[in-house]
Amino acid sequence: MPQTFKLNSEYIELDKLLKLLAIAPSGGAAKMMVADGMVQVDGEVETRKTRKLRAGSVVEVAGETIRIVGATDA
């Protein structure tokens, strides 16, 4: 079942999301995961470590799916 991450601002950067959700143990590890092509955003491999994720984005990594929602979404 996909997780939902609720934004408190306009966006969150991809590496920060991975660290915040403890998918990566550190910011450096999160950046390595992205650089190594282990992360998909909206169905495409993403290699930009600081990709801005906004409401509606879907991140897939390490067998997990995270749906990004806005502060007013359910």
C-alpha atoms as a PDB file:
ATOM      1  CA  MET A   1       0.000   0.000   0.000  1.00  0.00           C
ATOM      2  CA  PRO A   2       1.430   3.401  -0.956  1.00  0.00           C
ATOM      3  CA  GLN A   3       2.464   5.857   1.725  1.00  0.00           C
ATOM      4  CA  THR A   4       1.239   9.435   1.635  1.00  0.00           C
ATOM      5  CA  PHE A   5       3.496  12.370   2.426  1.00  0.00           C
ATOM      6  CA  LYS A   6       1.766  15.651   3.180  1.00  0.00           C
ATOM      7  CA  LEU A   7       3.645  18.799   2.196  1.00  0.00           C
ATOM      8  CA  ASN A   8       3.935  21.676   4.649  1.00  0.00           C
ATOM      9  CA  SER A   9       5.308  23.958   1.937  1.00  0.00           C
ATOM     10  CA  GLU A  10       5.184  24.256  -1.849  1.00  0.00           C
ATOM     11  CA  TYR A  11       7.641  21.382  -2.389  1.00  0.00           C
ATOM     12  CA  ILE A  12      10.206  19.059  -0.800  1.00  0.00           C
ATOM     13  CA  GLU A  13      13.501  18.063  -2.376  1.00  0.00           C
ATOM     14  CA  LEU A  14      13.872  14.391  -3.262  1.00  0.00           C
ATOM     15  CA  ASP A  15      16.952  13.688  -1.129  1.00  0.00           C
ATOM     16  CA  LYS A  16      15.335  15.349   1.900  1.00  0.00           C
ATOM     17  CA  LEU A  17      12.185  13.229   1.482  1.00  0.00           C
ATOM     18  CA  LEU A  18      14.199   9.992   1.440  1.00  0.00           C
ATOM     19  CA  LYS A  19      16.047  10.991   4.613  1.00  0.00           C
ATOM     20  CA  LEU A  20      12.925  12.280   6.384  1.00  0.00           C
ATOM     21  CA  LEU A  21      11.026   9.031   5.755  1.00  0.00           C
ATOM     22  CA  ALA A  22      14.083   6.983   6.869  1.00  0.00           C
ATOM     23  CA  ILE A  23      14.317   5.275   3.483  1.00  0.00           C
ATOM     24  CA  ALA A  24      17.916   6.478   3.483  1.00  0.00           C
ATOM     25  CA  PRO A  25      19.900   6.583   6.753  1.00  0.00           C
ATOM     26  CA  SER A  26      21.487   9.950   5.900  1.00  0.00           C
ATOM     27  CA  GLY A  27      21.365  12.767   3.389  1.00  0.00           C
ATOM     28  CA  GLY A  28      24.534  11.453   1.759  1.00  0.00           C
ATOM     29  CA  ALA A  29      23.010   7.991   1.385  1.00  0.00           C
ATOM     30  CA  ALA A  30      19.869   9.532  -0.104  1.00  0.00           C
ATOM     31  CA  LYS A  31      21.951  11.388  -2.688  1.00  0.00           C
ATOM     32  CA  MET A  32      23.814   8.184  -3.558  1.00  0.00           C
ATOM     33  CA  MET A  33      20.521   6.296  -4.041  1.00  0.00           C
ATOM     34  CA  VAL A  34      19.358   8.963  -6.476  1.00  0.00           C
ATOM     35  CA  ALA A  35      22.709   9.149  -8.283  1.00  0.00           C
ATOM     36  CA  ASP A  36      22.737   5.349  -8.637  1.00  0.00           C
ATOM     37  CA  GLY A  37      19.339   5.405 -10.415  1.00  0.00           C
ATOM     38  CA  MET A  38      17.488   3.640  -7.592  1.00  0.00           C
ATOM     39  CA  VAL A  39      14.658   6.199  -7.429  1.00  0.00           C
ATOM     40  CA  GLN A  40      11.766   6.807  -9.812  1.00  0.00           C
ATOM     41  CA  VAL A  41       9.556   9.881  -9.860  1.00  0.00           C
ATOM     42  CA  ASP A  42       6.311   9.655 -11.794  1.00  0.00           C
ATOM     43  CA  GLY A  43       7.446   6.400 -13.407  1.00  0.00           C
ATOM     44  CA  GLU A  44      10.831   7.680 -14.670  1.00  0.00           C
ATOM     45  CA  VAL A  45      14.287   7.135 -13.187  1.00  0.00           C
ATOM     46  CA  GLU A  46      15.319  10.389 -11.495  1.00  0.00           C
ATOM     47  CA  THR A  47      18.979  11.349 -11.108  1.00  0.00           C
ATOM     48  CA  ARG A  48      18.525  14.929  -9.884  1.00  0.00           C
ATOM     49  CA  LYS A  49      19.196  14.708  -6.146  1.00  0.00           C
ATOM     50  CA  THR A  50      17.357  17.912  -5.308  1.00  0.00           C
ATOM     51  CA  ARG A  51      14.397  17.371  -7.635  1.00  0.00           C
ATOM     52  CA  LYS A  52      11.505  19.445  -6.285  1.00  0.00           C
ATOM     53  CA  LEU A  53       8.551  17.211  -5.481  1.00  0.00           C
ATOM     54  CA  ARG A  54       5.161  18.878  -5.484  1.00  0.00           C
ATOM     55  CA  ALA A  55       1.642  17.650  -4.776  1.00  0.00           C
ATOM     56  CA  GLY A  56       0.726  14.899  -7.227  1.00  0.00           C
ATOM     57  CA  SER A  57       4.238  13.456  -7.565  1.00  0.00           C
ATOM     58  CA  VAL A  58       4.718   9.739  -6.979  1.00  0.00           C
ATOM     59  CA  VAL A  59       8.099   8.437  -5.789  1.00  0.00           C
ATOM     60  CA  GLU A  60       9.107   4.772  -6.022  1.00  0.00           C
ATOM     61  CA  VAL A  61      12.192   3.505  -4.197  1.00  0.00           C
ATOM     62  CA  ALA A  62      13.268   0.307  -2.450  1.00  0.00           C
ATOM     63  CA  GLY A  63       9.897  -1.351  -3.036  1.00  0.00           C
ATOM     64  CA  GLU A  64       8.012   1.599  -1.535  1.00  0.00           C
ATOM     65  CA  THR A  65       5.614   3.989  -3.230  1.00  0.00           C
ATOM     66  CA  ILE A  66       5.144   7.474  -1.785  1.00  0.00           C
ATOM     67  CA  ARG A  67       2.386   9.780  -3.015  1.00  0.00           C
ATOM     68  CA  ILE A  68       3.010  13.480  -2.388  1.00  0.00           C
ATOM     69  CA  VAL A  69      -0.094  15.456  -1.392  1.00  0.00           C
ATOM     70  CA  GLY A  70      -0.654  19.119  -0.613  1.00  0.00           C
ATOM     71  CA  ALA A  71      -1.394  20.400   2.865  1.00  0.00           C
ATOM     72  CA  THR A  72      -5.130  20.617   2.067  1.00  0.00           C
ATOM     73  CA  ASP A  73      -5.366  17.184   0.371  1.00  0.00           C
ATOM     74  CA  ALA A  74      -6.439  14.007   2.122  1.00  0.00           C
END
